Amino acid sequence: MKEMVNHNKQNSMNTRKVISAKAAITVRKYEPIAYDEPKEGPNLINVHVEESFKEISKVIVLLNSYSSK
């Protein structure tokens, strides 16, 4: 099932129609874990997220970078 919160469509007259929806997403788990901390360059963190939207549950894995400076 494809989830769309904000979707832009162009019709034949090159005008845009914006379709929006509002809904609550429940984050059940947010687990950041250090992935790589090099001496030079940004640190990497792996984030495991479990969330639900109505009757749909999903798992997301994010790889983020950050600088400690």
C-alpha atoms as a PDB file:
ATOM      1  CA  MET A   1       0.000   0.000   0.000  1.00  0.00           C
ATOM      2  CA  LYS A   2       1.406   3.388  -0.979  1.00  0.00           C
ATOM      3  CA  GLU A   3       1.087   6.196   1.524  1.00  0.00           C
ATOM      4  CA  MET A   4       0.949   9.771   0.203  1.00  0.00           C
ATOM      5  CA  VAL A   5       0.651  12.807   2.394  1.00  0.00           C
ATOM      6  CA  ASN A   6       1.335  15.526  -0.155  1.00  0.00           C
ATOM      7  CA  HIS A   7       1.199  14.704  -3.839  1.00  0.00           C
ATOM      8  CA  ASN A   8       1.599  17.150  -6.726  1.00  0.00           C
ATOM      9  CA  LYS A   9      -0.034  16.352 -10.061  1.00  0.00           C
ATOM     10  CA  GLN A  10       0.288  18.271 -13.299  1.00  0.00           C
ATOM     11  CA  ASN A  11      -2.547  18.291 -15.771  1.00  0.00           C
ATOM     12  CA  SER A  12      -2.432  19.105 -19.484  1.00  0.00           C
ATOM     13  CA  MET A  13      -2.608  22.873 -18.818  1.00  0.00           C
ATOM     14  CA  ASN A  14       0.614  22.791 -16.692  1.00  0.00           C
ATOM     15  CA  THR A  15      -1.184  23.760 -13.490  1.00  0.00           C
ATOM     16  CA  ARG A  16      -0.557  21.888 -10.257  1.00  0.00           C
ATOM     17  CA  LYS A  17      -3.147  20.327  -8.021  1.00  0.00           C
ATOM     18  CA  VAL A  18      -2.016  19.629  -4.452  1.00  0.00           C
ATOM     19  CA  ILE A  19      -3.707  16.820  -2.546  1.00  0.00           C
ATOM     20  CA  SER A  20      -3.069  16.746   1.210  1.00  0.00           C
ATOM     21  CA  ALA A  21      -4.122  14.514   4.071  1.00  0.00           C
ATOM     22  CA  LYS A  22      -3.665  14.697   7.828  1.00  0.00           C
ATOM     23  CA  ALA A  23      -3.260  11.604  10.001  1.00  0.00           C
ATOM     24  CA  ALA A  24      -1.482  10.552  13.169  1.00  0.00           C
ATOM     25  CA  ILE A  25       1.574   8.320  12.854  1.00  0.00           C
ATOM     26  CA  THR A  26       2.519   6.523  16.074  1.00  0.00           C
ATOM     27  CA  VAL A  27       6.237   5.914  16.608  1.00  0.00           C
ATOM     28  CA  ARG A  28       6.503   2.724  18.681  1.00  0.00           C
ATOM     29  CA  LYS A  29      10.288   2.448  18.681  1.00  0.00           C
ATOM     30  CA  TYR A  30      13.159   4.874  17.964  1.00  0.00           C
ATOM     31  CA  GLU A  31      16.565   3.279  18.487  1.00  0.00           C
ATOM     32  CA  PRO A  32      19.677   5.255  17.430  1.00  0.00           C
ATOM     33  CA  ILE A  33      22.927   3.231  17.348  1.00  0.00           C
ATOM     34  CA  ALA A  34      26.417   4.531  16.529  1.00  0.00           C
ATOM     35  CA  TYR A  35      27.395   3.189  13.090  1.00  0.00           C
ATOM     36  CA  ASP A  36      30.783   4.775  12.323  1.00  0.00           C
ATOM     37  CA  GLU A  37      32.802   7.418  14.148  1.00  0.00           C
ATOM     38  CA  PRO A  38      35.818   8.218  11.928  1.00  0.00           C
ATOM     39  CA  LYS A  39      38.656  10.479  13.131  1.00  0.00           C
ATOM     40  CA  GLU A  40      37.956  12.786  10.191  1.00  0.00           C
ATOM     41  CA  GLY A  41      34.589  13.534   8.623  1.00  0.00           C
ATOM     42  CA  PRO A  42      31.076  13.223   9.968  1.00  0.00           C
ATOM     43  CA  ASN A  43      29.906  10.522  12.366  1.00  0.00           C
ATOM     44  CA  LEU A  44      27.267   8.080  11.146  1.00  0.00           C
ATOM     45  CA  ILE A  45      24.323   6.859  13.182  1.00  0.00           C
ATOM     46  CA  ASN A  46      21.944   4.019  12.288  1.00  0.00           C
ATOM     47  CA  VAL A  47      18.370   4.641  13.479  1.00  0.00           C
ATOM     48  CA  HIS A  48      15.825   1.814  13.705  1.00  0.00           C
ATOM     49  CA  VAL A  49      12.252   3.160  13.717  1.00  0.00           C
ATOM     50  CA  GLU A  50       9.012   1.217  14.071  1.00  0.00           C
ATOM     51  CA  GLU A  51       5.818   3.132  13.400  1.00  0.00           C
ATOM     52  CA  SER A  52       2.161   2.537  12.692  1.00  0.00           C
ATOM     53  CA  PHE A  53      -0.405   4.405  10.648  1.00  0.00           C
ATOM     54  CA  LYS A  54      -3.958   3.218  11.238  1.00  0.00           C
ATOM     55  CA  GLU A  55      -3.779  -0.568  10.628  1.00  0.00           C
ATOM     56  CA  ILE A  56      -0.418  -0.404   8.791  1.00  0.00           C
ATOM     57  CA  SER A  57       2.865  -1.057  10.612  1.00  0.00           C
ATOM     58  CA  LYS A  58       6.289  -0.494   9.120  1.00  0.00           C
ATOM     59  CA  VAL A  59       9.973  -0.575   9.994  1.00  0.00           C
ATOM     60  CA  ILE A  60      12.331   2.123   8.758  1.00  0.00           C
ATOM     61  CA  VAL A  61      16.119   2.062   8.934  1.00  0.00           C
ATOM     62  CA  LEU A  62      17.857   5.429   8.584  1.00  0.00           C
ATOM     63  CA  LEU A  63      21.561   6.161   8.194  1.00  0.00           C
ATOM     64  CA  ASN A  64      22.227   9.731   9.314  1.00  0.00           C
ATOM     65  CA  SER A  65      25.399  11.766   9.539  1.00  0.00           C
ATOM     66  CA  TYR A  66      26.270  14.390  12.112  1.00  0.00           C
ATOM     67  CA  SER A  67      29.275  16.435  13.149  1.00  0.00           C
ATOM     68  CA  SER A  68      30.360  16.691  16.759  1.00  0.00           C
ATOM     69  CA  LYS A  69      31.901  20.130  16.126  1.00  0.00           C
END
